[in-house]
Structures are given as structure tokens and as C-alpha cells.
């Protein structure tokens, strides 16, 4: 986890072991979230946005009851492992080539997010990792957590004031984030470039 020449909160680079888990191939869409909470939306295939961390957790609980599966938000460690798609140590889900090398990068995300799965998936078959919208993680956020993080199944600090998030978003000048890039906001905030995807234990 991490990147030695990245930002301070991405260091030190350290080895992490995560237990087997499942991660949804797509960011949760407007159509899926509307089954849980009714709201007006323009495009069913767009990722749902303006959801707080609490909204995302409630959705996971609701979907758990509907499916009989124990669903939740991914941890930061799980998210980074999944984003890399098997390419350990690479900058992006596709390798080290710059973001400008992505097809049609210059003309994408001009006014908002795009429908999910409009880019090529990574090596694990996951779409939109590191792009489209920021994704909530389950962890509390601490910029110095990597200094004391356990090797096995790190789940973040015990408490905090901000929740961790991962991935790039349409609203930024650089639209795609590095796999190691970390971000955070208070869990009650709702932003137009924040969404999430669902994780589960591997039964």
C-alpha cells in the first residue's frame, strides 16, 4: 500500500494482507439507489452522488437485508488492492502510462460524472476504479495511519472526524487519481462528486 514518491499521507509504503472479499464491479447507480431511497434523477446509469457516508452505510444495510448477504463499504486497504487489479506498485489500474493516455480523456467528464462502465475494466474486471466519482470507504481517516497500520486486514483508526475516500472524480482538474491517492471528508457531507461501491466478505 502507498507510494513512496506520493503525498505525505501515502507513506511509508508497506505490505498489507487482506482477507478474501468481494467488490462490486460498478459504482452504485442512481437506479439502484432509488430502490432504497426515492429521489429525482436524470440518468439511471450514472453513479449516485451527493450521498453522505451515513447514506452509503444505510444503503449497504438495506441491501444486506434484501439479499441475505453481509454487505458493507470496502476498507481503504481492500479498495487499493482492488484498484490495482493485480498490478502491484503501478500508478494506475492500467499501469504507469499517464492519464492522458486513456481513450478520449480530454473530452470526458466535462460537466459531471458519466454512466458507469464507460472505460475499460482493470485486471480484476472492476470498472471506474480511480475515476468518475470519489468512493467512500469504511475507515476513519488519519494521515499518519500508515506509520502504525497492522499488516493484516487494516481497518483504519478507531475514531476520527473524517471518513476515508478513494479514487478520482469528474470535478477535479486531473480526472483520474493514482491507486495510492487518499482523500477524506466529514461523514455527514454530501458532494456532487462523491459516490460509493459495495463490498462483501467472501463466504
C-alpha atoms as a PDB file:
ATOM      1  CA  UNK A   1       0.000   0.000   0.000  1.00  0.00           C
ATOM      2  CA  UNK A   2       1.068   3.551  -0.601  1.00  0.00           C
ATOM      3  CA  UNK A   3       3.503   5.321  -2.901  1.00  0.00           C
ATOM      4  CA  UNK A   4       6.949   6.400  -1.786  1.00  0.00           C
ATOM      5  CA  UNK A   5       7.078   9.445  -4.057  1.00  0.00           C
ATOM      6  CA  UNK A   6       3.448  10.348  -3.422  1.00  0.00           C
ATOM      7  CA  UNK A   7       1.931  12.662  -0.838  1.00  0.00           C
ATOM      8  CA  UNK A   8       2.921  12.509   2.839  1.00  0.00           C
ATOM      9  CA  UNK A   9      -0.172  10.519   3.826  1.00  0.00           C
ATOM     10  CA  UNK A  10       0.731   7.807   1.285  1.00  0.00           C
ATOM     11  CA  UNK A  11       3.955   6.930   3.096  1.00  0.00           C
ATOM     12  CA  UNK A  12       5.541   4.722   4.146  1.00  0.00           C
ATOM     13  CA  UNK A  13       4.872   2.103   1.507  1.00  0.00           C
ATOM     14  CA  UNK A  14       4.008  -1.059   3.396  1.00  0.00           C
ATOM     15  CA  UNK A  15       2.875  -4.606   2.729  1.00  0.00           C
ATOM     16  CA  UNK A  16      -0.713  -5.428   3.669  1.00  0.00           C
ATOM     17  CA  UNK A  17      -2.608  -8.714   3.669  1.00  0.00           C
ATOM     18  CA  UNK A  18      -6.379  -8.564   3.190  1.00  0.00           C
ATOM     19  CA  UNK A  19      -8.731 -11.481   3.697  1.00  0.00           C
ATOM     20  CA  UNK A  20     -10.655 -12.610   0.600  1.00  0.00           C
ATOM     21  CA  UNK A  21     -13.555 -10.292  -0.195  1.00  0.00           C
ATOM     22  CA  UNK A  22     -15.925  -9.318  -2.963  1.00  0.00           C
ATOM     23  CA  UNK A  23     -16.250  -5.866  -4.502  1.00  0.00           C
ATOM     24  CA  UNK A  24     -18.991  -4.721  -6.845  1.00  0.00           C
ATOM     25  CA  UNK A  25     -17.740  -4.244 -10.402  1.00  0.00           C
ATOM     26  CA  UNK A  26     -19.587  -0.927 -10.661  1.00  0.00           C
ATOM     27  CA  UNK A  27     -20.221   2.172  -8.615  1.00  0.00           C
ATOM     28  CA  UNK A  28     -23.769   2.170  -7.203  1.00  0.00           C
ATOM     29  CA  UNK A  29     -26.037   3.827  -9.779  1.00  0.00           C
ATOM     30  CA  UNK A  30     -28.957   6.214  -9.482  1.00  0.00           C
ATOM     31  CA  UNK A  31     -31.371   3.434 -10.421  1.00  0.00           C
ATOM     32  CA  UNK A  32     -30.040   1.120  -7.728  1.00  0.00           C
ATOM     33  CA  UNK A  33     -30.031   3.751  -5.003  1.00  0.00           C
ATOM     34  CA  UNK A  34     -33.548   4.906  -5.940  1.00  0.00           C
ATOM     35  CA  UNK A  35     -34.881   1.487  -4.936  1.00  0.00           C
ATOM     36  CA  UNK A  36     -33.658   2.283  -1.419  1.00  0.00           C
ATOM     37  CA  UNK A  37     -34.440   5.990  -1.279  1.00  0.00           C
ATOM     38  CA  UNK A  38     -36.716   7.732  -3.766  1.00  0.00           C
ATOM     39  CA  UNK A  39     -35.291  10.819  -5.456  1.00  0.00           C
ATOM     40  CA  UNK A  40     -35.345  12.506  -8.841  1.00  0.00           C
ATOM     41  CA  UNK A  41     -32.505  11.751 -11.230  1.00  0.00           C
ATOM     42  CA  UNK A  42     -31.721  12.299 -14.896  1.00  0.00           C
ATOM     43  CA  UNK A  43     -29.884   9.144 -15.912  1.00  0.00           C
ATOM     44  CA  UNK A  44     -30.331   5.713 -14.345  1.00  0.00           C
ATOM     45  CA  UNK A  45     -26.824   4.565 -15.328  1.00  0.00           C
ATOM     46  CA  UNK A  46     -24.971   7.452 -13.694  1.00  0.00           C
ATOM     47  CA  UNK A  47     -23.310   6.743 -10.349  1.00  0.00           C
ATOM     48  CA  UNK A  48     -25.366   8.046  -7.465  1.00  0.00           C
ATOM     49  CA  UNK A  49     -23.774  11.161  -5.963  1.00  0.00           C
ATOM     50  CA  UNK A  50     -24.394  13.616  -3.128  1.00  0.00           C
ATOM     51  CA  UNK A  51     -24.637  10.738  -0.680  1.00  0.00           C
ATOM     52  CA  UNK A  52     -23.049  11.039   2.749  1.00  0.00           C
ATOM     53  CA  UNK A  53     -21.038   8.259   4.363  1.00  0.00           C
ATOM     54  CA  UNK A  54     -24.079   7.567   6.530  1.00  0.00           C
ATOM     55  CA  UNK A  55     -26.293   7.275   3.437  1.00  0.00           C
ATOM     56  CA  UNK A  56     -23.888   4.768   1.907  1.00  0.00           C
ATOM     57  CA  UNK A  57     -23.761   2.692   5.105  1.00  0.00           C
ATOM     58  CA  UNK A  58     -27.558   2.693   5.361  1.00  0.00           C
ATOM     59  CA  UNK A  59     -27.820   1.527   1.756  1.00  0.00           C
ATOM     60  CA  UNK A  60     -25.434  -1.365   2.488  1.00  0.00           C
ATOM     61  CA  UNK A  61     -27.555  -2.396   5.490  1.00  0.00           C
ATOM     62  CA  UNK A  62     -30.752  -2.188   3.455  1.00  0.00           C
ATOM     63  CA  UNK A  63     -29.260  -4.224   0.609  1.00  0.00           C
ATOM     64  CA  UNK A  64     -27.917  -6.772   3.097  1.00  0.00           C
ATOM     65  CA  UNK A  65     -31.451  -7.438   4.314  1.00  0.00           C
ATOM     66  CA  UNK A  66     -32.750  -7.736   0.754  1.00  0.00           C
ATOM     67  CA  UNK A  67     -30.039 -10.108  -0.432  1.00  0.00           C
ATOM     68  CA  UNK A  68     -29.189 -12.044   2.710  1.00  0.00           C
ATOM     69  CA  UNK A  69     -25.531 -11.128   2.240  1.00  0.00           C
ATOM     70  CA  UNK A  70     -23.367  -9.164   4.691  1.00  0.00           C
ATOM     71  CA  UNK A  71     -22.668  -6.071   2.582  1.00  0.00           C
ATOM     72  CA  UNK A  72     -20.619  -3.041   3.582  1.00  0.00           C
ATOM     73  CA  UNK A  73     -18.260  -0.367   2.357  1.00  0.00           C
ATOM     74  CA  UNK A  74     -14.730  -1.528   1.496  1.00  0.00           C
ATOM     75  CA  UNK A  75     -11.777  -0.643   3.688  1.00  0.00           C
ATOM     76  CA  UNK A  76      -9.038   1.564   2.278  1.00  0.00           C
ATOM     77  CA  UNK A  77      -6.765  -1.471   2.080  1.00  0.00           C
ATOM     78  CA  UNK A  78      -9.334  -3.519   0.181  1.00  0.00           C
ATOM     79  CA  UNK A  79     -10.072  -0.628  -2.158  1.00  0.00           C
ATOM     80  CA  UNK A  80      -6.421  -0.051  -3.049  1.00  0.00           C
ATOM     81  CA  UNK A  81      -5.818  -3.771  -3.533  1.00  0.00           C
ATOM     82  CA  UNK A  82      -8.826  -3.950  -5.853  1.00  0.00           C
ATOM     83  CA  UNK A  83      -7.941  -0.753  -7.737  1.00  0.00           C
ATOM     84  CA  UNK A  84      -4.511  -2.075  -8.666  1.00  0.00           C
ATOM     85  CA  UNK A  85      -6.112  -5.033 -10.444  1.00  0.00           C
ATOM     86  CA  UNK A  86      -3.102  -7.244  -9.810  1.00  0.00           C
ATOM     87  CA  UNK A  87      -0.525  -4.673 -10.937  1.00  0.00           C
ATOM     88  CA  UNK A  88       1.372  -4.233  -7.689  1.00  0.00           C
ATOM     89  CA  UNK A  89       3.309  -0.996  -7.413  1.00  0.00           C
ATOM     90  CA  UNK A  90       1.842   0.607 -10.535  1.00  0.00           C
ATOM     91  CA  UNK A  91       0.453   4.135 -10.505  1.00  0.00           C
ATOM     92  CA  UNK A  92      -2.939   3.433 -12.096  1.00  0.00           C
ATOM     93  CA  UNK A  93      -5.248   0.455 -12.613  1.00  0.00           C
ATOM     94  CA  UNK A  94      -3.832   0.045 -16.143  1.00  0.00           C
ATOM     95  CA  UNK A  95      -0.147   0.576 -15.284  1.00  0.00           C
ATOM     96  CA  UNK A  96       2.147   3.605 -15.300  1.00  0.00           C
ATOM     97  CA  UNK A  97       1.013   5.293 -18.513  1.00  0.00           C
ATOM     98  CA  UNK A  98      -0.266   8.849 -17.828  1.00  0.00           C
ATOM     99  CA  UNK A  99      -3.976   9.593 -17.517  1.00  0.00           C
ATOM    100  CA  UNK A 100      -3.906  11.418 -20.846  1.00  0.00           C
ATOM    101  CA  UNK A 101      -3.313   8.024 -22.490  1.00  0.00           C
ATOM    102  CA  UNK A 102      -6.843   6.901 -21.593  1.00  0.00           C
ATOM    103  CA  UNK A 103      -9.192   6.857 -24.570  1.00  0.00           C
ATOM    104  CA  UNK A 104     -10.949  10.218 -25.109  1.00  0.00           C
ATOM    105  CA  UNK A 105      -9.613  11.523 -21.796  1.00  0.00           C
ATOM    106  CA  UNK A 106      -9.547  15.162 -22.968  1.00  0.00           C
ATOM    107  CA  UNK A 107     -13.240  15.150 -23.889  1.00  0.00           C
ATOM    108  CA  UNK A 108     -14.636  13.252 -20.913  1.00  0.00           C
ATOM    109  CA  UNK A 109     -16.206  14.415 -17.629  1.00  0.00           C
ATOM    110  CA  UNK A 110     -16.816  17.954 -18.852  1.00  0.00           C
ATOM    111  CA  UNK A 111     -19.965  18.676 -16.828  1.00  0.00           C
ATOM    112  CA  UNK A 112     -20.412  15.740 -14.463  1.00  0.00           C
ATOM    113  CA  UNK A 113     -19.922  12.003 -13.975  1.00  0.00           C
ATOM    114  CA  UNK A 114     -20.501   9.556 -16.811  1.00  0.00           C
ATOM    115  CA  UNK A 115     -22.538   6.340 -16.849  1.00  0.00           C
ATOM    116  CA  UNK A 116     -20.723   3.528 -15.086  1.00  0.00           C
ATOM    117  CA  UNK A 117     -18.531   1.124 -17.068  1.00  0.00           C
ATOM    118  CA  UNK A 118     -17.703   3.518 -19.910  1.00  0.00           C
ATOM    119  CA  UNK A 119     -13.959   2.850 -19.508  1.00  0.00           C
ATOM    120  CA  UNK A 120     -12.063  -0.414 -19.818  1.00  0.00           C
ATOM    121  CA  UNK A 121     -12.070  -2.508 -16.609  1.00  0.00           C
ATOM    122  CA  UNK A 122      -8.901  -3.233 -14.683  1.00  0.00           C
ATOM    123  CA  UNK A 123      -7.269  -6.625 -14.334  1.00  0.00           C
ATOM    124  CA  UNK A 124      -9.872  -7.774 -11.815  1.00  0.00           C
ATOM    125  CA  UNK A 125     -12.777  -6.778 -14.054  1.00  0.00           C
ATOM    126  CA  UNK A 126     -13.651  -3.703 -11.960  1.00  0.00           C
ATOM    127  CA  UNK A 127     -14.879  -0.571 -13.710  1.00  0.00           C
ATOM    128  CA  UNK A 128     -14.182   3.083 -12.931  1.00  0.00           C
ATOM    129  CA  UNK A 129     -11.661   2.447 -10.183  1.00  0.00           C
ATOM    130  CA  UNK A 130      -9.832   5.749  -9.638  1.00  0.00           C
ATOM    131  CA  UNK A 131     -12.249   7.751 -11.808  1.00  0.00           C
ATOM    132  CA  UNK A 132     -15.769   9.151 -12.255  1.00  0.00           C
ATOM    133  CA  UNK A 133     -16.623   9.806  -8.581  1.00  0.00           C
ATOM    134  CA  UNK A 134     -14.841   9.570  -5.248  1.00  0.00           C
ATOM    135  CA  UNK A 135     -15.827   6.422  -3.350  1.00  0.00           C
ATOM    136  CA  UNK A 136     -16.492   6.248   0.370  1.00  0.00           C
ATOM    137  CA  UNK A 137     -14.510   3.702   2.392  1.00  0.00           C
ATOM    138  CA  UNK A 138     -15.435   2.312   5.794  1.00  0.00           C
ATOM    139  CA  UNK A 139     -12.342   3.637   7.616  1.00  0.00           C
ATOM    140  CA  UNK A 140     -11.902   6.691   9.757  1.00  0.00           C
ATOM    141  CA  UNK A 141      -9.136   8.776   8.212  1.00  0.00           C
ATOM    142  CA  UNK A 142      -5.753   9.595   9.741  1.00  0.00           C
ATOM    143  CA  UNK A 143      -2.984  10.995   7.501  1.00  0.00           C
ATOM    144  CA  UNK A 144      -0.388   9.196   9.654  1.00  0.00           C
ATOM    145  CA  UNK A 145      -2.181   5.857   9.904  1.00  0.00           C
ATOM    146  CA  UNK A 146       0.341   4.074   7.685  1.00  0.00           C
ATOM    147  CA  UNK A 147       3.003   4.562  10.369  1.00  0.00           C
ATOM    148  CA  UNK A 148       1.141   2.200  12.724  1.00  0.00           C
ATOM    149  CA  UNK A 149      -1.142   0.241  10.392  1.00  0.00           C
ATOM    150  CA  UNK A 150      -1.298  -3.510  11.095  1.00  0.00           C
ATOM    151  CA  UNK A 151      -0.172  -5.892   8.375  1.00  0.00           C
ATOM    152  CA  UNK A 152      -3.335  -7.993   8.352  1.00  0.00           C
ATOM    153  CA  UNK A 153      -6.715  -6.544   7.427  1.00  0.00           C
ATOM    154  CA  UNK A 154      -6.150  -2.912   8.449  1.00  0.00           C
ATOM    155  CA  UNK A 155      -9.465  -1.171   9.086  1.00  0.00           C
ATOM    156  CA  UNK A 156      -8.318   2.333   9.914  1.00  0.00           C
ATOM    157  CA  UNK A 157      -8.088   4.133  13.256  1.00  0.00           C
ATOM    158  CA  UNK A 158     -10.646   3.578  15.997  1.00  0.00           C
ATOM    159  CA  UNK A 159     -12.068   7.092  15.776  1.00  0.00           C
ATOM    160  CA  UNK A 160     -11.757  10.358  13.903  1.00  0.00           C
ATOM    161  CA  UNK A 161     -13.614  13.296  12.403  1.00  0.00           C
ATOM    162  CA  UNK A 162     -13.292  12.404   8.699  1.00  0.00           C
ATOM    163  CA  UNK A 163     -14.020   9.228   6.745  1.00  0.00           C
ATOM    164  CA  UNK A 164     -11.621   7.958   4.106  1.00  0.00           C
ATOM    165  CA  UNK A 165     -12.452   8.010   0.432  1.00  0.00           C
ATOM    166  CA  UNK A 166     -10.628   6.813  -2.653  1.00  0.00           C
ATOM    167  CA  UNK A 167     -10.497   7.390  -6.371  1.00  0.00           C
ATOM    168  CA  UNK A 168     -10.596  10.399  -8.647  1.00  0.00           C
ATOM    169  CA  UNK A 169     -13.638  12.404  -9.666  1.00  0.00           C
ATOM    170  CA  UNK A 170     -15.062  14.360 -12.585  1.00  0.00           C
ATOM    171  CA  UNK A 171     -14.858  17.699 -10.763  1.00  0.00           C
ATOM    172  CA  UNK A 172     -11.050  17.793 -10.479  1.00  0.00           C
ATOM    173  CA  UNK A 173      -8.565  19.220 -12.954  1.00  0.00           C
ATOM    174  CA  UNK A 174      -6.895  15.786 -13.146  1.00  0.00           C
ATOM    175  CA  UNK A 175      -9.861  13.434 -13.563  1.00  0.00           C
ATOM    176  CA  UNK A 176      -8.214  10.129 -12.640  1.00  0.00           C
ATOM    177  CA  UNK A 177      -6.405   9.508  -9.353  1.00  0.00           C
ATOM    178  CA  UNK A 178      -3.451   7.264  -8.645  1.00  0.00           C
ATOM    179  CA  UNK A 179      -4.254   3.957  -6.915  1.00  0.00           C
ATOM    180  CA  UNK A 180      -2.416   5.107  -3.774  1.00  0.00           C
ATOM    181  CA  UNK A 181      -4.054   8.539  -3.549  1.00  0.00           C
ATOM    182  CA  UNK A 182      -6.031   9.100  -0.345  1.00  0.00           C
ATOM    183  CA  UNK A 183      -8.761  11.611   0.422  1.00  0.00           C
ATOM    184  CA  UNK A 184     -11.291  12.272   3.170  1.00  0.00           C
ATOM    185  CA  UNK A 185     -14.201  14.472   4.221  1.00  0.00           C
ATOM    186  CA  UNK A 186     -16.520  14.546   7.256  1.00  0.00           C
ATOM    187  CA  UNK A 187     -19.007  11.660   7.027  1.00  0.00           C
ATOM    188  CA  UNK A 188     -22.081  13.907   7.027  1.00  0.00           C
ATOM    189  CA  UNK A 189     -21.005  15.844   3.920  1.00  0.00           C
ATOM    190  CA  UNK A 190     -22.773  15.283   0.593  1.00  0.00           C
ATOM    191  CA  UNK A 191     -20.847  16.310  -2.524  1.00  0.00           C
ATOM    192  CA  UNK A 192     -21.750  16.068  -6.211  1.00  0.00           C
ATOM    193  CA  UNK A 193     -18.583  14.074  -6.891  1.00  0.00           C
ATOM    194  CA  UNK A 194     -18.955  11.524  -4.067  1.00  0.00           C
ATOM    195  CA  UNK A 195     -20.447   8.063  -4.507  1.00  0.00           C
ATOM    196  CA  UNK A 196     -19.586   4.513  -3.449  1.00  0.00           C
ATOM    197  CA  UNK A 197     -19.492   0.832  -4.311  1.00  0.00           C
ATOM    198  CA  UNK A 198     -20.404  -2.180  -2.199  1.00  0.00           C
ATOM    199  CA  UNK A 199     -18.125  -4.819  -0.709  1.00  0.00           C
ATOM    200  CA  UNK A 200     -18.810  -8.179   0.973  1.00  0.00           C
ATOM    201  CA  UNK A 201     -16.956 -10.869   2.830  1.00  0.00           C
ATOM    202  CA  UNK A 202     -16.141 -13.893   0.677  1.00  0.00           C
ATOM    203  CA  UNK A 203     -18.279 -16.665   2.116  1.00  0.00           C
END
